[in-house]
Amino acid sequence: MTHAFFSKILSTACAGLLALSAIGTAQAQTTLRVTTIPEEAATEQVRKFTPLANYLEKQLGMKVQFTPVTDYPAAVESLVNKKVDVVWFGGFTFVQASIRSGGKIVPIAQREEDTRFQSVFIAKTDSGIKTLADMKGKQVSFGSQSSTSGHLMPRSFLLQAKIEPEKDFKRIAYSGAHDATIASVVSGKVDAAALDITVWKKFVAENKVNTQDVNVFYTTPPYFNYNWSVHADMPADLREKIKAALLALNPANPEHAEILKLNRSTRYISTTPENYKGLESAARSAGLL
């Protein structure tokens, strides 16, 4: 069923693209194409973002097409090449897209939480791992290589602690997504791992992980993270309408509150490219750019 569902989404997106090209450039855009970095399983992405897509349809008065992508680089390329109109990026994927496009990617909104985001390092509670230094000689997993909270910033803080992953860890794995990172520690595939604090908190709140067995042993200092971005070539009035719709989500409104909860957000606020300069510096010093 899932495969058929995604096939339907993709075929609808293709049909929408053909329809758009047939209409020509004289008429206003009729479909807003949205995607996100695949930080969790595709089914979870669809569950999380479909209510937001429905809300945007009402606010913008146009069709909103949400299409999952297979990996983080695909999300970057899709916006750089204008295959989609709006992307939910992590801070690092925004930096990559900005560089790839020659500075033509515009961040329009972030969650309030993204001004002070954190990563957590987790391990089995009986593993003897209590500090970052205890990870030396162990098998460690990050998330996607392009993940801000699952790789770039954890690596950056390890380097600051004088720990070099390639030299000091027995083995490094990349799980590809935060939920898979948790599973790799629970199953014993790795001894310790780093991930997005909000995904960890969600798993704990939903009783999907037993903190008696696996828990956090280190939480990083805060940094800027995720945002909604568009291409600079998008008409300014449409960009402003999308931004206004995101900023208008009000936790006091039950329908809005549900959308915000699914997005693990208290509310959306404005953001600027300058907020991500620190991430770019961290990426360069960690040898990831």
C-alpha atoms as a PDB file:
ATOM      1  CA  MET A   1       0.000   0.000   0.000  1.00  0.00           C
ATOM      2  CA  THR A   2       2.829   2.369   0.909  1.00  0.00           C
ATOM      3  CA  HIS A   3       4.565   1.811  -2.427  1.00  0.00           C
ATOM      4  CA  ALA A   4       1.317   2.421  -4.312  1.00  0.00           C
ATOM      5  CA  PHE A   5       0.705   5.553  -2.239  1.00  0.00           C
ATOM      6  CA  PHE A   6       4.121   7.010  -3.096  1.00  0.00           C
ATOM      7  CA  SER A   7       3.732   6.025  -6.760  1.00  0.00           C
ATOM      8  CA  LYS A   8       0.468   7.956  -6.767  1.00  0.00           C
ATOM      9  CA  ILE A   9       2.147  10.981  -5.166  1.00  0.00           C
ATOM     10  CA  LEU A  10       4.991  10.916  -7.689  1.00  0.00           C
ATOM     11  CA  SER A  11       2.723  10.401 -10.706  1.00  0.00           C
ATOM     12  CA  THR A  12       0.514  13.254  -9.514  1.00  0.00           C
ATOM     13  CA  ALA A  13       3.604  15.458  -9.175  1.00  0.00           C
ATOM     14  CA  CYS A  14       4.716  14.532 -12.729  1.00  0.00           C
ATOM     15  CA  ALA A  15       1.226  15.232 -14.073  1.00  0.00           C
ATOM     16  CA  GLY A  16       1.298  18.562 -12.267  1.00  0.00           C
ATOM     17  CA  LEU A  17       4.627  19.440 -13.866  1.00  0.00           C
ATOM     18  CA  LEU A  18       3.330  18.574 -17.343  1.00  0.00           C
ATOM     19  CA  ALA A  19       0.226  20.646 -16.724  1.00  0.00           C
ATOM     20  CA  LEU A  20       2.357  23.552 -15.553  1.00  0.00           C
ATOM     21  CA  SER A  21       4.550  23.488 -18.653  1.00  0.00           C
ATOM     22  CA  ALA A  22       1.469  23.280 -20.858  1.00  0.00           C
ATOM     23  CA  ILE A  23      -0.045  26.355 -19.231  1.00  0.00           C
ATOM     24  CA  GLY A  24       3.058  28.340 -20.078  1.00  0.00           C
ATOM     25  CA  THR A  25       4.762  31.110 -18.177  1.00  0.00           C
ATOM     26  CA  ALA A  26       2.097  33.753 -18.737  1.00  0.00           C
ATOM     27  CA  GLN A  27      -0.210  32.333 -16.080  1.00  0.00           C
ATOM     28  CA  ALA A  28       0.440  32.215 -12.345  1.00  0.00           C
ATOM     29  CA  GLN A  29       1.815  29.023 -10.811  1.00  0.00           C
ATOM     30  CA  THR A  30      -0.983  26.629  -9.834  1.00  0.00           C
ATOM     31  CA  THR A  31       0.870  23.968  -7.796  1.00  0.00           C
ATOM     32  CA  LEU A  32       3.326  24.505  -4.948  1.00  0.00           C
ATOM     33  CA  ARG A  33       5.774  21.592  -4.804  1.00  0.00           C
ATOM     34  CA  VAL A  34       7.098  20.830  -1.333  1.00  0.00           C
ATOM     35  CA  THR A  35       9.637  18.331  -0.009  1.00  0.00           C
ATOM     36  CA  THR A  36      11.729  17.760   3.122  1.00  0.00           C
ATOM     37  CA  ILE A  37      15.006  16.141   4.079  1.00  0.00           C
ATOM     38  CA  PRO A  38      14.229  12.469   4.920  1.00  0.00           C
ATOM     39  CA  GLU A  39      15.237  12.684   8.586  1.00  0.00           C
ATOM     40  CA  GLU A  40      12.752   9.899   9.385  1.00  0.00           C
ATOM     41  CA  ALA A  41      11.014   7.155   7.381  1.00  0.00           C
ATOM     42  CA  ALA A  42       9.007   8.351   4.327  1.00  0.00           C
ATOM     43  CA  THR A  43       5.701   7.247   5.894  1.00  0.00           C
ATOM     44  CA  GLU A  44       6.473   9.420   8.939  1.00  0.00           C
ATOM     45  CA  GLN A  45       7.357  12.397   6.703  1.00  0.00           C
ATOM     46  CA  VAL A  46       3.998  12.092   4.923  1.00  0.00           C
ATOM     47  CA  ARG A  47       2.135  11.802   8.256  1.00  0.00           C
ATOM     48  CA  LYS A  48       4.006  14.797   9.652  1.00  0.00           C
ATOM     49  CA  PHE A  49       3.727  17.207   6.730  1.00  0.00           C
ATOM     50  CA  THR A  50       0.382  16.398   5.040  1.00  0.00           C
ATOM     51  CA  PRO A  51      -1.673  18.509   7.527  1.00  0.00           C
ATOM     52  CA  LEU A  52       0.728  21.425   6.929  1.00  0.00           C
ATOM     53  CA  ALA A  53       0.356  20.992   3.148  1.00  0.00           C
ATOM     54  CA  ASN A  54      -3.442  21.050   3.542  1.00  0.00           C
ATOM     55  CA  TYR A  55      -3.193  24.220   5.653  1.00  0.00           C
ATOM     56  CA  LEU A  56      -0.973  25.925   3.042  1.00  0.00           C
ATOM     57  CA  GLU A  57      -3.474  25.001   0.296  1.00  0.00           C
ATOM     58  CA  LYS A  58      -6.180  26.906   2.164  1.00  0.00           C
ATOM     59  CA  GLN A  59      -3.961  29.872   2.965  1.00  0.00           C
ATOM     60  CA  LEU A  60      -2.448  30.218  -0.518  1.00  0.00           C
ATOM     61  CA  GLY A  61      -5.479  29.211  -2.566  1.00  0.00           C
ATOM     62  CA  MET A  62      -3.383  26.819  -4.660  1.00  0.00           C
ATOM     63  CA  LYS A  63      -2.654  23.101  -4.796  1.00  0.00           C
ATOM     64  CA  VAL A  64       0.203  21.954  -2.554  1.00  0.00           C
ATOM     65  CA  GLN A  65       1.988  18.757  -3.611  1.00  0.00           C
ATOM     66  CA  PHE A  66       4.140  17.038  -0.968  1.00  0.00           C
ATOM     67  CA  THR A  67       6.641  14.569  -2.465  1.00  0.00           C
ATOM     68  CA  PRO A  68       9.171  12.674  -0.294  1.00  0.00           C
ATOM     69  CA  VAL A  69      12.772  12.333  -1.541  1.00  0.00           C
ATOM     70  CA  THR A  70      15.129   9.406  -0.987  1.00  0.00           C
ATOM     71  CA  ASP A  71      18.082  11.131   0.681  1.00  0.00           C
ATOM     72  CA  TYR A  72      19.465  14.447   1.923  1.00  0.00           C
ATOM     73  CA  PRO A  73      21.443  15.333  -1.255  1.00  0.00           C
ATOM     74  CA  ALA A  74      18.227  14.827  -3.303  1.00  0.00           C
ATOM     75  CA  ALA A  75      16.492  17.501  -1.200  1.00  0.00           C
ATOM     76  CA  VAL A  76      19.373  19.907  -1.868  1.00  0.00           C
ATOM     77  CA  GLU A  77      19.441  19.258  -5.629  1.00  0.00           C
ATOM     78  CA  SER A  78      15.648  19.463  -5.996  1.00  0.00           C
ATOM     79  CA  LEU A  79      15.541  23.089  -4.764  1.00  0.00           C
ATOM     80  CA  VAL A  80      18.810  24.177  -6.406  1.00  0.00           C
ATOM     81  CA  ASN A  81      17.452  22.900  -9.762  1.00  0.00           C
ATOM     82  CA  LYS A  82      13.933  24.262  -9.048  1.00  0.00           C
ATOM     83  CA  LYS A  83      12.292  20.829  -9.269  1.00  0.00           C
ATOM     84  CA  VAL A  84      10.432  21.822  -6.079  1.00  0.00           C
ATOM     85  CA  ASP A  85       9.443  25.219  -4.660  1.00  0.00           C
ATOM     86  CA  VAL A  86       9.785  24.835  -0.890  1.00  0.00           C
ATOM     87  CA  VAL A  87      12.050  22.544   1.158  1.00  0.00           C
ATOM     88  CA  TRP A  88      12.350  21.763   4.868  1.00  0.00           C
ATOM     89  CA  PHE A  89      16.126  21.759   5.323  1.00  0.00           C
ATOM     90  CA  GLY A  90      18.417  21.028   8.223  1.00  0.00           C
ATOM     91  CA  GLY A  91      20.915  23.828   8.854  1.00  0.00           C
ATOM     92  CA  PHE A  92      23.719  21.942   7.069  1.00  0.00           C
ATOM     93  CA  THR A  93      21.613  21.024   4.018  1.00  0.00           C
ATOM     94  CA  PHE A  94      20.600  24.711   3.784  1.00  0.00           C
ATOM     95  CA  VAL A  95      24.306  25.655   3.787  1.00  0.00           C
ATOM     96  CA  GLN A  96      25.019  23.023   1.095  1.00  0.00           C
ATOM     97  CA  ALA A  97      22.108  24.276  -1.051  1.00  0.00           C
ATOM     98  CA  SER A  98      23.174  27.892  -0.614  1.00  0.00           C
ATOM     99  CA  ILE A  99      26.729  27.084  -1.757  1.00  0.00           C
ATOM    100  CA  ARG A 100      25.534  24.876  -4.650  1.00  0.00           C
ATOM    101  CA  SER A 101      23.198  27.618  -5.906  1.00  0.00           C
ATOM    102  CA  GLY A 102      25.628  30.509  -5.560  1.00  0.00           C
ATOM    103  CA  GLY A 103      23.654  32.026  -2.689  1.00  0.00           C
ATOM    104  CA  LYS A 104      20.228  31.736  -4.345  1.00  0.00           C
ATOM    105  CA  ILE A 105      18.481  29.785  -1.571  1.00  0.00           C
ATOM    106  CA  VAL A 106      16.411  31.938   0.802  1.00  0.00           C
ATOM    107  CA  PRO A 107      15.463  30.699   4.312  1.00  0.00           C
ATOM    108  CA  ILE A 108      12.021  32.119   5.181  1.00  0.00           C
ATOM    109  CA  ALA A 109      11.016  30.560   8.518  1.00  0.00           C
ATOM    110  CA  GLN A 110      12.317  28.330  11.285  1.00  0.00           C
ATOM    111  CA  ARG A 111      10.794  26.860  14.408  1.00  0.00           C
ATOM    112  CA  GLU A 112      11.388  28.762  17.626  1.00  0.00           C
ATOM    113  CA  GLU A 113      13.280  25.627  18.755  1.00  0.00           C
ATOM    114  CA  ASP A 114      15.733  26.019  15.859  1.00  0.00           C
ATOM    115  CA  THR A 115      17.350  29.097  17.416  1.00  0.00           C
ATOM    116  CA  ARG A 116      18.734  26.893  20.204  1.00  0.00           C
ATOM    117  CA  PHE A 117      18.773  23.376  18.820  1.00  0.00           C
ATOM    118  CA  GLN A 118      20.751  20.528  20.397  1.00  0.00           C
ATOM    119  CA  SER A 119      21.960  17.023  19.644  1.00  0.00           C
ATOM    120  CA  VAL A 120      22.138  14.142  22.085  1.00  0.00           C
ATOM    121  CA  PHE A 121      24.577  11.244  22.354  1.00  0.00           C
ATOM    122  CA  ILE A 122      22.986   7.985  23.494  1.00  0.00           C
ATOM    123  CA  ALA A 123      24.302   4.597  24.654  1.00  0.00           C
ATOM    124  CA  LYS A 124      23.075   1.535  26.531  1.00  0.00           C
ATOM    125  CA  THR A 125      22.918   2.389  30.231  1.00  0.00           C
ATOM    126  CA  ASP A 126      25.097  -0.652  31.113  1.00  0.00           C
ATOM    127  CA  SER A 127      27.724   0.157  28.447  1.00  0.00           C
ATOM    128  CA  GLY A 128      30.021   2.082  30.771  1.00  0.00           C
ATOM    129  CA  ILE A 129      29.868   5.074  28.384  1.00  0.00           C
ATOM    130  CA  LYS A 130      29.255   8.191  30.507  1.00  0.00           C
ATOM    131  CA  THR A 131      31.328  10.857  28.701  1.00  0.00           C
ATOM    132  CA  LEU A 132      32.424  11.668  25.151  1.00  0.00           C
ATOM    133  CA  ALA A 133      35.922  10.371  26.003  1.00  0.00           C
ATOM    134  CA  ASP A 134      34.415   6.980  26.927  1.00  0.00           C
ATOM    135  CA  MET A 135      33.448   6.559  23.241  1.00  0.00           C
ATOM    136  CA  LYS A 136      37.099   6.000  22.264  1.00  0.00           C
ATOM    137  CA  GLY A 137      37.613   2.509  20.852  1.00  0.00           C
ATOM    138  CA  LYS A 138      33.846   2.008  20.444  1.00  0.00           C
ATOM    139  CA  GLN A 139      31.511   1.550  17.465  1.00  0.00           C
ATOM    140  CA  VAL A 140      29.612   4.801  16.895  1.00  0.00           C
ATOM    141  CA  SER A 141      26.773   5.808  14.588  1.00  0.00           C
ATOM    142  CA  PHE A 142      25.835   9.187  13.148  1.00  0.00           C
ATOM    143  CA  GLY A 143      22.681   9.787  11.072  1.00  0.00           C
ATOM    144  CA  SER A 144      22.917  10.948   7.470  1.00  0.00           C
ATOM    145  CA  GLN A 145      26.318  12.377   6.516  1.00  0.00           C
ATOM    146  CA  SER A 146      24.451  15.581   5.527  1.00  0.00           C
ATOM    147  CA  SER A 147      22.549  15.814   8.820  1.00  0.00           C
ATOM    148  CA  THR A 148      23.174  18.867  11.012  1.00  0.00           C
ATOM    149  CA  SER A 149      22.014  17.365  14.311  1.00  0.00           C
ATOM    150  CA  GLY A 150      22.931  13.779  13.453  1.00  0.00           C
ATOM    151  CA  HIS A 151      26.448  14.362  12.122  1.00  0.00           C
ATOM    152  CA  LEU A 152      27.887  17.867  11.538  1.00  0.00           C
ATOM    153  CA  MET A 153      27.343  19.370  14.988  1.00  0.00           C
ATOM    154  CA  PRO A 154      28.041  16.178  16.984  1.00  0.00           C
ATOM    155  CA  ARG A 155      31.297  15.805  14.999  1.00  0.00           C
ATOM    156  CA  SER A 156      32.113  19.476  15.603  1.00  0.00           C
ATOM    157  CA  PHE A 157      31.679  19.105  19.375  1.00  0.00           C
ATOM    158  CA  LEU A 158      33.716  15.872  19.386  1.00  0.00           C
ATOM    159  CA  LEU A 159      36.577  17.682  17.608  1.00  0.00           C
ATOM    160  CA  GLN A 160      36.360  20.482  20.189  1.00  0.00           C
ATOM    161  CA  ALA A 161      36.718  17.782  22.874  1.00  0.00           C
ATOM    162  CA  LYS A 162      39.907  16.593  21.070  1.00  0.00           C
ATOM    163  CA  ILE A 163      38.232  13.403  19.828  1.00  0.00           C
ATOM    164  CA  GLU A 164      38.818  12.540  16.166  1.00  0.00           C
ATOM    165  CA  PRO A 165      36.144  10.034  15.048  1.00  0.00           C
ATOM    166  CA  GLU A 166      38.174   8.394  12.242  1.00  0.00           C
ATOM    167  CA  LYS A 167      41.167   7.920  14.543  1.00  0.00           C
ATOM    168  CA  ASP A 168      39.547   7.350  17.935  1.00  0.00           C
ATOM    169  CA  PHE A 169      36.483   5.215  17.170  1.00  0.00           C
ATOM    170  CA  LYS A 170      36.685   1.513  16.361  1.00  0.00           C
ATOM    171  CA  ARG A 171      34.075   1.921  13.606  1.00  0.00           C
ATOM    172  CA  ILE A 172      31.844   4.724  12.262  1.00  0.00           C
ATOM    173  CA  ALA A 173      28.403   3.983  10.820  1.00  0.00           C
ATOM    174  CA  TYR A 174      25.894   6.271   9.118  1.00  0.00           C
ATOM    175  CA  SER A 175      22.313   5.174   9.733  1.00  0.00           C
ATOM    176  CA  GLY A 176      20.715   7.613   7.255  1.00  0.00           C
ATOM    177  CA  ALA A 177      17.949   8.792   9.623  1.00  0.00           C
ATOM    178  CA  HIS A 178      17.420   9.576  13.323  1.00  0.00           C
ATOM    179  CA  ASP A 179      14.938   6.747  13.975  1.00  0.00           C
ATOM    180  CA  ALA A 180      17.419   4.275  12.454  1.00  0.00           C
ATOM    181  CA  THR A 181      20.158   5.721  14.697  1.00  0.00           C
ATOM    182  CA  ILE A 182      18.151   4.917  17.833  1.00  0.00           C
ATOM    183  CA  ALA A 183      17.447   1.398  16.513  1.00  0.00           C
ATOM    184  CA  SER A 184      21.168   0.788  15.926  1.00  0.00           C
ATOM    185  CA  VAL A 185      21.952   1.438  19.618  1.00  0.00           C
ATOM    186  CA  VAL A 186      18.917  -0.495  20.915  1.00  0.00           C
ATOM    187  CA  SER A 187      19.867  -3.526  18.772  1.00  0.00           C
ATOM    188  CA  GLY A 188      23.532  -3.364  19.799  1.00  0.00           C
ATOM    189  CA  LYS A 189      24.825  -2.765  16.264  1.00  0.00           C
ATOM    190  CA  VAL A 190      26.776   0.190  17.687  1.00  0.00           C
ATOM    191  CA  ASP A 191      27.829   1.204  21.197  1.00  0.00           C
ATOM    192  CA  ALA A 192      26.860   4.883  21.000  1.00  0.00           C
ATOM    193  CA  ALA A 193      25.248   7.340  18.594  1.00  0.00           C
ATOM    194  CA  ALA A 194      24.331  10.985  18.017  1.00  0.00           C
ATOM    195  CA  LEU A 195      20.960  12.361  16.926  1.00  0.00           C
ATOM    196  CA  ASP A 196      18.390  15.183  16.914  1.00  0.00           C
ATOM    197  CA  ILE A 197      17.187  15.913  20.479  1.00  0.00           C
ATOM    198  CA  THR A 198      13.555  16.421  19.342  1.00  0.00           C
ATOM    199  CA  VAL A 199      13.381  12.978  17.700  1.00  0.00           C
ATOM    200  CA  TRP A 200      14.850  11.436  20.855  1.00  0.00           C
ATOM    201  CA  LYS A 201      12.280  13.233  23.034  1.00  0.00           C
ATOM    202  CA  LYS A 202       9.476  12.115  20.704  1.00  0.00           C
ATOM    203  CA  PHE A 203      10.588   8.448  20.955  1.00  0.00           C
ATOM    204  CA  VAL A 204      10.748   8.688  24.757  1.00  0.00           C
ATOM    205  CA  ALA A 205       7.315  10.403  24.984  1.00  0.00           C
ATOM    206  CA  GLU A 206       5.753   7.740  22.740  1.00  0.00           C
ATOM    207  CA  ASN A 207       7.402   4.890  24.716  1.00  0.00           C
ATOM    208  CA  LYS A 208       9.264   3.717  21.603  1.00  0.00           C
ATOM    209  CA  VAL A 209      12.503   3.443  23.566  1.00  0.00           C
ATOM    210  CA  ASN A 210      13.127   2.262  27.144  1.00  0.00           C
ATOM    211  CA  THR A 211      15.370   4.778  28.932  1.00  0.00           C
ATOM    212  CA  GLN A 212      16.231   2.078  31.483  1.00  0.00           C
ATOM    213  CA  ASP A 213      18.151   0.358  28.659  1.00  0.00           C
ATOM    214  CA  VAL A 214      19.260   3.220  26.388  1.00  0.00           C
ATOM    215  CA  ASN A 215      19.627   6.838  27.446  1.00  0.00           C
ATOM    216  CA  VAL A 216      21.378  10.165  26.850  1.00  0.00           C
ATOM    217  CA  PHE A 217      24.880  10.560  28.280  1.00  0.00           C
ATOM    218  CA  TYR A 218      25.750  13.899  26.635  1.00  0.00           C
ATOM    219  CA  THR A 219      23.743  16.860  25.304  1.00  0.00           C
ATOM    220  CA  THR A 220      25.505  19.405  23.084  1.00  0.00           C
ATOM    221  CA  PRO A 221      25.523  23.190  23.488  1.00  0.00           C
ATOM    222  CA  PRO A 222      22.807  24.959  21.389  1.00  0.00           C
ATOM    223  CA  TYR A 223      23.097  25.986  17.721  1.00  0.00           C
ATOM    224  CA  PHE A 224      20.834  27.153  14.852  1.00  0.00           C
ATOM    225  CA  ASN A 225      19.175  24.397  12.821  1.00  0.00           C
ATOM    226  CA  TYR A 226      16.248  23.622  10.496  1.00  0.00           C
ATOM    227  CA  ASN A 227      14.364  26.044   8.227  1.00  0.00           C
ATOM    228  CA  TRP A 228      11.873  26.296   5.383  1.00  0.00           C
ATOM    229  CA  SER A 229      13.665  27.597   2.281  1.00  0.00           C
ATOM    230  CA  VAL A 230      12.686  28.740  -1.216  1.00  0.00           C
ATOM    231  CA  HIS A 231      14.648  29.624  -4.364  1.00  0.00           C
ATOM    232  CA  ALA A 232      15.423  33.323  -4.882  1.00  0.00           C
ATOM    233  CA  ASP A 233      13.695  33.086  -8.305  1.00  0.00           C
ATOM    234  CA  MET A 234      10.301  32.478  -6.660  1.00  0.00           C
ATOM    235  CA  PRO A 235       8.014  35.534  -7.146  1.00  0.00           C
ATOM    236  CA  ALA A 236       8.362  37.789  -4.086  1.00  0.00           C
ATOM    237  CA  ASP A 237       4.598  37.921  -3.410  1.00  0.00           C
ATOM    238  CA  LEU A 238       4.334  34.104  -3.281  1.00  0.00           C
ATOM    239  CA  ARG A 239       7.392  33.895  -1.015  1.00  0.00           C
ATOM    240  CA  GLU A 240       5.819  36.421   1.369  1.00  0.00           C
ATOM    241  CA  LYS A 241       2.468  34.581   1.355  1.00  0.00           C
ATOM    242  CA  ILE A 242       4.153  31.277   2.291  1.00  0.00           C
ATOM    243  CA  LYS A 243       6.184  32.954   5.031  1.00  0.00           C
ATOM    244  CA  ALA A 244       3.086  34.748   6.405  1.00  0.00           C
ATOM    245  CA  ALA A 245       1.139  31.456   6.447  1.00  0.00           C
ATOM    246  CA  LEU A 246       3.888  29.702   8.436  1.00  0.00           C
ATOM    247  CA  LEU A 247       4.249  32.595  10.907  1.00  0.00           C
ATOM    248  CA  ALA A 248       0.445  32.718  11.338  1.00  0.00           C
ATOM    249  CA  LEU A 249       0.298  29.188  12.797  1.00  0.00           C
ATOM    250  CA  ASN A 250      -1.056  29.832  16.279  1.00  0.00           C
ATOM    251  CA  PRO A 251      -0.750  27.271  19.096  1.00  0.00           C
ATOM    252  CA  ALA A 252      -3.986  28.660  20.607  1.00  0.00           C
ATOM    253  CA  ASN A 253      -5.876  27.383  17.520  1.00  0.00           C
ATOM    254  CA  PRO A 254      -6.492  23.591  17.921  1.00  0.00           C
ATOM    255  CA  GLU A 255      -6.007  22.848  14.188  1.00  0.00           C
ATOM    256  CA  HIS A 256      -2.783  24.883  14.128  1.00  0.00           C
ATOM    257  CA  ALA A 257      -1.624  23.300  17.394  1.00  0.00           C
ATOM    258  CA  GLU A 258      -1.875  19.830  15.804  1.00  0.00           C
ATOM    259  CA  ILE A 259       0.223  20.941  12.795  1.00  0.00           C
ATOM    260  CA  LEU A 260       2.839  22.497  15.095  1.00  0.00           C
ATOM    261  CA  LYS A 261       2.927  19.364  17.286  1.00  0.00           C
ATOM    262  CA  LEU A 262       3.518  17.151  14.227  1.00  0.00           C
ATOM    263  CA  ASN A 263       6.347  19.511  13.201  1.00  0.00           C
ATOM    264  CA  ARG A 264       7.754  19.328  16.785  1.00  0.00           C
ATOM    265  CA  SER A 265       7.354  23.087  17.055  1.00  0.00           C
ATOM    266  CA  THR A 266       5.912  25.678  19.461  1.00  0.00           C
ATOM    267  CA  ARG A 267       5.637  28.204  16.595  1.00  0.00           C
ATOM    268  CA  TYR A 268       7.417  29.439  13.464  1.00  0.00           C
ATOM    269  CA  ILE A 269       9.502  32.632  13.398  1.00  0.00           C
ATOM    270  CA  SER A 270      11.454  34.543  10.733  1.00  0.00           C
ATOM    271  CA  THR A 271      15.047  33.610   9.934  1.00  0.00           C
ATOM    272  CA  THR A 272      17.930  34.931   7.809  1.00  0.00           C
ATOM    273  CA  PRO A 273      20.957  33.415   6.024  1.00  0.00           C
ATOM    274  CA  GLU A 274      23.249  35.016   8.648  1.00  0.00           C
ATOM    275  CA  ASN A 275      21.893  32.628  11.285  1.00  0.00           C
ATOM    276  CA  TYR A 276      23.629  29.739   9.477  1.00  0.00           C
ATOM    277  CA  LYS A 277      27.123  31.243   9.157  1.00  0.00           C
ATOM    278  CA  GLY A 278      28.191  29.448  12.341  1.00  0.00           C
ATOM    279  CA  LEU A 279      27.115  26.097  10.859  1.00  0.00           C
ATOM    280  CA  GLU A 280      29.070  26.824   7.687  1.00  0.00           C
ATOM    281  CA  SER A 281      32.183  27.563   9.778  1.00  0.00           C
ATOM    282  CA  ALA A 282      31.665  24.361  11.789  1.00  0.00           C
ATOM    283  CA  ALA A 283      31.284  22.360   8.562  1.00  0.00           C
ATOM    284  CA  ARG A 284      34.483  23.824   7.108  1.00  0.00           C
ATOM    285  CA  SER A 285      36.487  23.185  10.297  1.00  0.00           C
ATOM    286  CA  ALA A 286      35.160  19.612  10.435  1.00  0.00           C
ATOM    287  CA  GLY A 287      36.274  19.079   6.830  1.00  0.00           C
ATOM    288  CA  LEU A 288      32.703  18.534   5.577  1.00  0.00           C
ATOM    289  CA  LEU A 289      32.666  21.406   3.053  1.00  0.00           C
END
